[in-house]
């Protein structure tokens, strides 16, 4: 049985390339992330095809952010696609609107705390309030979960701390920025190995380039799955 703790990011330009990668991975992978970069390249159509024809799970990574009414309407529209996970920014008004928009659907609303590609200097440039990055992540995670998020997106380095929060009981933690030992970091600055991320409290890990760019993507995915199975 496929281990759904591994989510493979289909960060490719269009649905045709995404489907090709999914077919290459075959039954080794059951859970896929489709992000904003593929929205104009047939991302929703690919989500439907992977769900309906291949029985895969789908994490739609849109990171929605807008006024409450707009977020609520967007989530209500997206909820018709039988998605498993959907991301919004972790601001409480956004989370509350998204929770209202999904209605009674099983789709999980995941709140973004602070993007894993950012560090303190990036936050300074964006005029984000002073403070340690981890402390800010914890504060945003707690507030988002209080507002009704089903879980949060956070770097592996914060997963253990978030899991210890009282607000995190029964909530999901999904971690991007996961890199198998020896893999290039790319633009990720707060990373961990797959096994370490799970040990530290993550329910799911998101892996993209180390699998997608591997000479044998299926073998790369199976190596990550073997690492998870050995925990």
C-alpha atoms as a PDB file:
ATOM      1  CA  UNK A   1       0.000   0.000   0.000  1.00  0.00           C
ATOM      2  CA  UNK A   2       1.294   3.455  -0.915  1.00  0.00           C
ATOM      3  CA  UNK A   3       2.370   5.681   1.952  1.00  0.00           C
ATOM      4  CA  UNK A   4       0.291   8.864   1.768  1.00  0.00           C
ATOM      5  CA  UNK A   5       2.728  10.688   4.034  1.00  0.00           C
ATOM      6  CA  UNK A   6       4.678  11.466   0.862  1.00  0.00           C
ATOM      7  CA  UNK A   7       3.194  14.195  -1.320  1.00  0.00           C
ATOM      8  CA  UNK A   8       4.985  14.797  -4.613  1.00  0.00           C
ATOM      9  CA  UNK A   9       4.914  18.350  -5.937  1.00  0.00           C
ATOM     10  CA  UNK A  10       3.953  18.526  -9.605  1.00  0.00           C
ATOM     11  CA  UNK A  11       5.711  21.862 -10.054  1.00  0.00           C
ATOM     12  CA  UNK A  12       5.842  21.670 -13.841  1.00  0.00           C
ATOM     13  CA  UNK A  13       4.544  24.169 -16.433  1.00  0.00           C
ATOM     14  CA  UNK A  14       1.431  22.363 -17.586  1.00  0.00           C
ATOM     15  CA  UNK A  15      -0.946  19.460 -17.099  1.00  0.00           C
ATOM     16  CA  UNK A  16       0.626  17.331 -19.822  1.00  0.00           C
ATOM     17  CA  UNK A  17       4.003  17.349 -18.085  1.00  0.00           C
ATOM     18  CA  UNK A  18       2.318  16.789 -14.740  1.00  0.00           C
ATOM     19  CA  UNK A  19       0.437  13.773 -16.043  1.00  0.00           C
ATOM     20  CA  UNK A  20       3.613  12.405 -17.604  1.00  0.00           C
ATOM     21  CA  UNK A  21       5.433  12.601 -14.264  1.00  0.00           C
ATOM     22  CA  UNK A  22       2.492  11.017 -12.435  1.00  0.00           C
ATOM     23  CA  UNK A  23       2.443   8.169 -14.947  1.00  0.00           C
ATOM     24  CA  UNK A  24       6.199   7.696 -14.496  1.00  0.00           C
ATOM     25  CA  UNK A  25       5.729   7.442 -10.728  1.00  0.00           C
ATOM     26  CA  UNK A  26       2.789   5.089 -11.185  1.00  0.00           C
ATOM     27  CA  UNK A  27       1.525   3.291  -8.107  1.00  0.00           C
ATOM     28  CA  UNK A  28       4.559   4.337  -6.060  1.00  0.00           C
ATOM     29  CA  UNK A  29       2.914   7.693  -5.261  1.00  0.00           C
ATOM     30  CA  UNK A  30      -0.695   8.353  -4.335  1.00  0.00           C
ATOM     31  CA  UNK A  31      -0.682  12.015  -3.272  1.00  0.00           C
ATOM     32  CA  UNK A  32       0.182  15.008  -5.465  1.00  0.00           C
ATOM     33  CA  UNK A  33       0.512  18.751  -4.950  1.00  0.00           C
ATOM     34  CA  UNK A  34      -0.596  21.055  -7.740  1.00  0.00           C
ATOM     35  CA  UNK A  35       0.486  24.645  -7.258  1.00  0.00           C
ATOM     36  CA  UNK A  36      -0.237  28.127  -8.476  1.00  0.00           C
ATOM     37  CA  UNK A  37       2.388  27.872 -11.212  1.00  0.00           C
ATOM     38  CA  UNK A  38       0.250  25.349 -13.085  1.00  0.00           C
ATOM     39  CA  UNK A  39      -3.051  27.184 -12.668  1.00  0.00           C
ATOM     40  CA  UNK A  40      -2.994  28.544 -16.230  1.00  0.00           C
ATOM     41  CA  UNK A  41      -1.504  25.312 -17.555  1.00  0.00           C
ATOM     42  CA  UNK A  42      -4.486  23.109 -16.831  1.00  0.00           C
ATOM     43  CA  UNK A  43      -3.875  22.494 -13.124  1.00  0.00           C
ATOM     44  CA  UNK A  44      -7.518  22.013 -12.173  1.00  0.00           C
ATOM     45  CA  UNK A  45      -8.095  19.718 -15.139  1.00  0.00           C
ATOM     46  CA  UNK A  46      -5.087  17.653 -14.061  1.00  0.00           C
ATOM     47  CA  UNK A  47      -6.421  17.525 -10.502  1.00  0.00           C
ATOM     48  CA  UNK A  48      -9.711  16.140 -11.790  1.00  0.00           C
ATOM     49  CA  UNK A  49      -7.993  13.600 -14.032  1.00  0.00           C
ATOM     50  CA  UNK A  50      -5.707  12.333 -11.294  1.00  0.00           C
ATOM     51  CA  UNK A  51      -8.663  12.050  -8.901  1.00  0.00           C
ATOM     52  CA  UNK A  52     -11.272  10.579 -11.221  1.00  0.00           C
ATOM     53  CA  UNK A  53      -9.204   8.345 -13.488  1.00  0.00           C
ATOM     54  CA  UNK A  54      -6.279   7.364 -11.286  1.00  0.00           C
ATOM     55  CA  UNK A  55      -7.761   7.580  -7.784  1.00  0.00           C
ATOM     56  CA  UNK A  56      -5.020   9.898  -6.503  1.00  0.00           C
ATOM     57  CA  UNK A  57      -5.242  12.391  -3.657  1.00  0.00           C
ATOM     58  CA  UNK A  58      -4.792  16.059  -4.476  1.00  0.00           C
ATOM     59  CA  UNK A  59      -3.309  18.949  -2.535  1.00  0.00           C
ATOM     60  CA  UNK A  60      -4.144  22.208  -4.328  1.00  0.00           C
ATOM     61  CA  UNK A  61      -1.556  24.735  -3.202  1.00  0.00           C
ATOM     62  CA  UNK A  62      -3.125  28.090  -4.058  1.00  0.00           C
ATOM     63  CA  UNK A  63      -2.153  30.054  -0.897  1.00  0.00           C
ATOM     64  CA  UNK A  64      -5.305  32.125  -1.204  1.00  0.00           C
ATOM     65  CA  UNK A  65      -5.281  35.613   0.268  1.00  0.00           C
ATOM     66  CA  UNK A  66      -7.930  38.318  -0.144  1.00  0.00           C
ATOM     67  CA  UNK A  67     -10.840  39.888   1.676  1.00  0.00           C
ATOM     68  CA  UNK A  68     -13.069  37.404   3.453  1.00  0.00           C
ATOM     69  CA  UNK A  69     -15.953  37.407   0.959  1.00  0.00           C
ATOM     70  CA  UNK A  70     -13.625  36.715  -1.952  1.00  0.00           C
ATOM     71  CA  UNK A  71     -11.793  33.908  -0.164  1.00  0.00           C
ATOM     72  CA  UNK A  72     -15.076  32.333   0.896  1.00  0.00           C
ATOM     73  CA  UNK A  73     -16.388  32.428  -2.684  1.00  0.00           C
ATOM     74  CA  UNK A  74     -13.153  31.021  -4.100  1.00  0.00           C
ATOM     75  CA  UNK A  75     -13.081  28.138  -1.630  1.00  0.00           C
ATOM     76  CA  UNK A  76     -16.752  27.392  -2.233  1.00  0.00           C
ATOM     77  CA  UNK A  77     -16.005  27.126  -5.938  1.00  0.00           C
ATOM     78  CA  UNK A  78     -12.928  24.960  -5.448  1.00  0.00           C
ATOM     79  CA  UNK A  79     -14.744  22.638  -3.059  1.00  0.00           C
ATOM     80  CA  UNK A  80     -16.699  21.178  -5.981  1.00  0.00           C
ATOM     81  CA  UNK A  81     -13.514  19.516  -7.276  1.00  0.00           C
ATOM     82  CA  UNK A  82     -13.303  16.921  -4.461  1.00  0.00           C
ATOM     83  CA  UNK A  83      -9.866  18.123  -3.366  1.00  0.00           C
ATOM     84  CA  UNK A  84      -8.136  16.738  -0.296  1.00  0.00           C
ATOM     85  CA  UNK A  85      -6.047  19.742   0.822  1.00  0.00           C
ATOM     86  CA  UNK A  86      -6.234  23.451  -0.037  1.00  0.00           C
ATOM     87  CA  UNK A  87      -3.869  26.149   1.214  1.00  0.00           C
ATOM     88  CA  UNK A  88      -4.698  29.672   2.282  1.00  0.00           C
ATOM     89  CA  UNK A  89      -2.575  32.261   4.045  1.00  0.00           C
ATOM     90  CA  UNK A  90      -2.732  31.912   7.806  1.00  0.00           C
ATOM     91  CA  UNK A  91      -4.258  35.298   8.602  1.00  0.00           C
ATOM     92  CA  UNK A  92      -7.271  34.575  10.841  1.00  0.00           C
ATOM     93  CA  UNK A  93      -9.799  36.433   8.651  1.00  0.00           C
ATOM     94  CA  UNK A  94      -8.674  34.391   5.630  1.00  0.00           C
ATOM     95  CA  UNK A  95      -8.854  31.099   7.514  1.00  0.00           C
ATOM     96  CA  UNK A  96     -12.315  31.821   8.881  1.00  0.00           C
ATOM     97  CA  UNK A  97     -13.588  32.690   5.413  1.00  0.00           C
ATOM     98  CA  UNK A  98     -12.070  29.543   3.909  1.00  0.00           C
ATOM     99  CA  UNK A  99     -13.595  27.349   6.613  1.00  0.00           C
ATOM    100  CA  UNK A 100     -16.972  28.899   5.880  1.00  0.00           C
ATOM    101  CA  UNK A 101     -16.521  28.470   2.141  1.00  0.00           C
ATOM    102  CA  UNK A 102     -15.748  24.756   2.241  1.00  0.00           C
ATOM    103  CA  UNK A 103     -19.057  24.076   3.967  1.00  0.00           C
ATOM    104  CA  UNK A 104     -19.469  20.430   4.853  1.00  0.00           C
ATOM    105  CA  UNK A 105     -16.888  19.132   2.387  1.00  0.00           C
ATOM    106  CA  UNK A 106     -14.024  16.914   3.581  1.00  0.00           C
ATOM    107  CA  UNK A 107     -11.417  19.172   1.970  1.00  0.00           C
ATOM    108  CA  UNK A 108      -8.837  20.212   4.569  1.00  0.00           C
ATOM    109  CA  UNK A 109      -7.957  23.893   4.851  1.00  0.00           C
ATOM    110  CA  UNK A 110      -4.235  24.275   5.536  1.00  0.00           C
ATOM    111  CA  UNK A 111      -2.838  27.620   6.659  1.00  0.00           C
ATOM    112  CA  UNK A 112       0.509  28.940   5.476  1.00  0.00           C
ATOM    113  CA  UNK A 113       2.574  30.303   8.357  1.00  0.00           C
ATOM    114  CA  UNK A 114       5.812  31.693   6.867  1.00  0.00           C
ATOM    115  CA  UNK A 115       7.060  30.399   3.520  1.00  0.00           C
ATOM    116  CA  UNK A 116       9.975  27.973   3.852  1.00  0.00           C
ATOM    117  CA  UNK A 117      11.988  29.963   1.318  1.00  0.00           C
ATOM    118  CA  UNK A 118      12.065  32.992   3.653  1.00  0.00           C
ATOM    119  CA  UNK A 119      14.426  33.878   6.474  1.00  0.00           C
ATOM    120  CA  UNK A 120      14.604  36.852   8.834  1.00  0.00           C
ATOM    121  CA  UNK A 121      16.238  39.145   6.266  1.00  0.00           C
ATOM    122  CA  UNK A 122      13.374  38.425   3.855  1.00  0.00           C
ATOM    123  CA  UNK A 123      10.826  39.249   6.548  1.00  0.00           C
ATOM    124  CA  UNK A 124      12.635  42.494   7.307  1.00  0.00           C
ATOM    125  CA  UNK A 125      12.460  43.452   3.639  1.00  0.00           C
ATOM    126  CA  UNK A 126       8.726  42.756   3.715  1.00  0.00           C
ATOM    127  CA  UNK A 127       8.214  44.914   6.813  1.00  0.00           C
ATOM    128  CA  UNK A 128       7.102  41.927   8.902  1.00  0.00           C
ATOM    129  CA  UNK A 129       7.266  42.629  12.620  1.00  0.00           C
ATOM    130  CA  UNK A 130      10.542  41.899  14.440  1.00  0.00           C
ATOM    131  CA  UNK A 131      11.096  38.579  16.121  1.00  0.00           C
ATOM    132  CA  UNK A 132      12.604  35.161  15.728  1.00  0.00           C
ATOM    133  CA  UNK A 133      11.220  33.325  12.673  1.00  0.00           C
ATOM    134  CA  UNK A 134      10.259  30.282  14.719  1.00  0.00           C
ATOM    135  CA  UNK A 135       8.376  32.412  17.233  1.00  0.00           C
ATOM    136  CA  UNK A 136       6.449  34.112  14.448  1.00  0.00           C
ATOM    137  CA  UNK A 137       5.619  30.759  12.847  1.00  0.00           C
ATOM    138  CA  UNK A 138       4.316  29.416  16.157  1.00  0.00           C
ATOM    139  CA  UNK A 139       2.179  32.492  16.733  1.00  0.00           C
ATOM    140  CA  UNK A 140       0.709  32.395  13.228  1.00  0.00           C
ATOM    141  CA  UNK A 141       0.086  28.641  13.463  1.00  0.00           C
ATOM    142  CA  UNK A 142      -1.748  28.935  16.783  1.00  0.00           C
ATOM    143  CA  UNK A 143      -3.914  31.800  15.538  1.00  0.00           C
ATOM    144  CA  UNK A 144      -4.740  30.024  12.287  1.00  0.00           C
ATOM    145  CA  UNK A 145      -5.774  26.819  14.033  1.00  0.00           C
ATOM    146  CA  UNK A 146      -7.899  28.800  16.500  1.00  0.00           C
ATOM    147  CA  UNK A 147      -9.585  30.422  13.495  1.00  0.00           C
ATOM    148  CA  UNK A 148     -10.607  27.025  12.104  1.00  0.00           C
ATOM    149  CA  UNK A 149      -7.719  25.738   9.992  1.00  0.00           C
ATOM    150  CA  UNK A 150      -7.558  21.950   9.719  1.00  0.00           C
ATOM    151  CA  UNK A 151      -3.790  22.188   9.823  1.00  0.00           C
ATOM    152  CA  UNK A 152      -0.795  24.244   8.839  1.00  0.00           C
ATOM    153  CA  UNK A 153       2.021  24.369   6.351  1.00  0.00           C
ATOM    154  CA  UNK A 154       5.330  24.889   8.111  1.00  0.00           C
ATOM    155  CA  UNK A 155       8.979  24.072   7.631  1.00  0.00           C
ATOM    156  CA  UNK A 156      10.344  20.843   9.120  1.00  0.00           C
ATOM    157  CA  UNK A 157      12.317  22.890  11.600  1.00  0.00           C
ATOM    158  CA  UNK A 158       9.105  24.206  13.172  1.00  0.00           C
ATOM    159  CA  UNK A 159       7.044  21.001  13.025  1.00  0.00           C
ATOM    160  CA  UNK A 160       8.072  19.739  16.460  1.00  0.00           C
ATOM    161  CA  UNK A 161       7.305  23.080  18.112  1.00  0.00           C
ATOM    162  CA  UNK A 162       3.928  23.383  16.392  1.00  0.00           C
ATOM    163  CA  UNK A 163       2.997  19.824  17.339  1.00  0.00           C
ATOM    164  CA  UNK A 164       3.516  20.772  20.987  1.00  0.00           C
ATOM    165  CA  UNK A 165       0.996  23.635  20.816  1.00  0.00           C
ATOM    166  CA  UNK A 166      -2.332  22.995  22.577  1.00  0.00           C
ATOM    167  CA  UNK A 167      -4.094  24.323  19.463  1.00  0.00           C
ATOM    168  CA  UNK A 168      -2.416  21.624  17.342  1.00  0.00           C
ATOM    169  CA  UNK A 169      -4.273  18.694  18.885  1.00  0.00           C
ATOM    170  CA  UNK A 170      -6.000  16.810  16.079  1.00  0.00           C
ATOM    171  CA  UNK A 171      -4.577  19.144  13.426  1.00  0.00           C
ATOM    172  CA  UNK A 172      -2.413  18.343  10.391  1.00  0.00           C
ATOM    173  CA  UNK A 173       1.141  19.533   9.841  1.00  0.00           C
ATOM    174  CA  UNK A 174       2.376  19.441   6.246  1.00  0.00           C
ATOM    175  CA  UNK A 175       6.010  20.259   5.589  1.00  0.00           C
ATOM    176  CA  UNK A 176       7.567  21.438   2.334  1.00  0.00           C
ATOM    177  CA  UNK A 177      11.284  22.134   2.309  1.00  0.00           C
ATOM    178  CA  UNK A 178      12.046  18.426   2.696  1.00  0.00           C
ATOM    179  CA  UNK A 179      15.270  17.248   1.126  1.00  0.00           C
ATOM    180  CA  UNK A 180      16.666  13.693   1.163  1.00  0.00           C
ATOM    181  CA  UNK A 181      20.229  13.507   2.447  1.00  0.00           C
ATOM    182  CA  UNK A 182      22.629  14.864  -0.185  1.00  0.00           C
ATOM    183  CA  UNK A 183      19.955  16.635  -2.239  1.00  0.00           C
ATOM    184  CA  UNK A 184      20.475  20.241  -3.340  1.00  0.00           C
ATOM    185  CA  UNK A 185      18.678  22.815  -1.192  1.00  0.00           C
ATOM    186  CA  UNK A 186      17.572  24.973  -4.138  1.00  0.00           C
ATOM    187  CA  UNK A 187      15.691  28.026  -2.827  1.00  0.00           C
ATOM    188  CA  UNK A 188      14.713  26.360   0.433  1.00  0.00           C
ATOM    189  CA  UNK A 189      16.364  27.728   3.572  1.00  0.00           C
ATOM    190  CA  UNK A 190      14.668  25.807   6.408  1.00  0.00           C
ATOM    191  CA  UNK A 191      14.935  22.115   5.545  1.00  0.00           C
ATOM    192  CA  UNK A 192      15.136  18.583   6.979  1.00  0.00           C
ATOM    193  CA  UNK A 193      15.280  15.005   5.723  1.00  0.00           C
ATOM    194  CA  UNK A 194      11.996  13.101   5.227  1.00  0.00           C
ATOM    195  CA  UNK A 195      12.468  10.888   8.280  1.00  0.00           C
ATOM    196  CA  UNK A 196      13.407  13.792  10.522  1.00  0.00           C
ATOM    197  CA  UNK A 197      10.388  15.836   9.442  1.00  0.00           C
ATOM    198  CA  UNK A 198       8.018  12.977  10.315  1.00  0.00           C
ATOM    199  CA  UNK A 199       9.778  12.296  13.605  1.00  0.00           C
ATOM    200  CA  UNK A 200       9.407  15.964  14.490  1.00  0.00           C
ATOM    201  CA  UNK A 201       5.647  15.909  14.093  1.00  0.00           C
ATOM    202  CA  UNK A 202       4.784  16.300  10.415  1.00  0.00           C
ATOM    203  CA  UNK A 203       1.888  14.235   9.087  1.00  0.00           C
ATOM    204  CA  UNK A 204       2.869  14.711   5.447  1.00  0.00           C
ATOM    205  CA  UNK A 205       6.009  15.825   3.643  1.00  0.00           C
ATOM    206  CA  UNK A 206       6.126  17.545   0.266  1.00  0.00           C
ATOM    207  CA  UNK A 207       9.002  16.632  -2.043  1.00  0.00           C
ATOM    208  CA  UNK A 208       9.419  18.151  -5.486  1.00  0.00           C
ATOM    209  CA  UNK A 209      12.726  18.681  -7.241  1.00  0.00           C
ATOM    210  CA  UNK A 210      14.654  15.771  -5.637  1.00  0.00           C
ATOM    211  CA  UNK A 211      12.104  13.417  -7.223  1.00  0.00           C
ATOM    212  CA  UNK A 212      11.101  15.342 -10.340  1.00  0.00           C
ATOM    213  CA  UNK A 213      14.674  16.074 -11.442  1.00  0.00           C
ATOM    214  CA  UNK A 214      16.120  12.687 -10.562  1.00  0.00           C
ATOM    215  CA  UNK A 215      17.418  10.476 -13.412  1.00  0.00           C
ATOM    216  CA  UNK A 216      14.852   7.913 -12.248  1.00  0.00           C
ATOM    217  CA  UNK A 217      11.968   9.740 -10.506  1.00  0.00           C
ATOM    218  CA  UNK A 218      10.202   6.527  -9.492  1.00  0.00           C
ATOM    219  CA  UNK A 219      13.351   5.189  -7.844  1.00  0.00           C
ATOM    220  CA  UNK A 220      13.850   8.524  -6.068  1.00  0.00           C
ATOM    221  CA  UNK A 221      10.290   8.408  -4.744  1.00  0.00           C
ATOM    222  CA  UNK A 222      10.735   4.823  -3.614  1.00  0.00           C
ATOM    223  CA  UNK A 223      13.909   5.818  -1.762  1.00  0.00           C
ATOM    224  CA  UNK A 224      11.986   8.462   0.173  1.00  0.00           C
ATOM    225  CA  UNK A 225       9.231   5.944   0.913  1.00  0.00           C
ATOM    226  CA  UNK A 226      11.798   3.433   2.149  1.00  0.00           C
ATOM    227  CA  UNK A 227      13.212   6.078   4.472  1.00  0.00           C
ATOM    228  CA  UNK A 228       9.724   6.735   5.860  1.00  0.00           C
ATOM    229  CA  UNK A 229       8.987   3.015   6.248  1.00  0.00           C
ATOM    230  CA  UNK A 230      12.133   2.596   8.339  1.00  0.00           C
ATOM    231  CA  UNK A 231      11.034   5.124  10.981  1.00  0.00           C
END
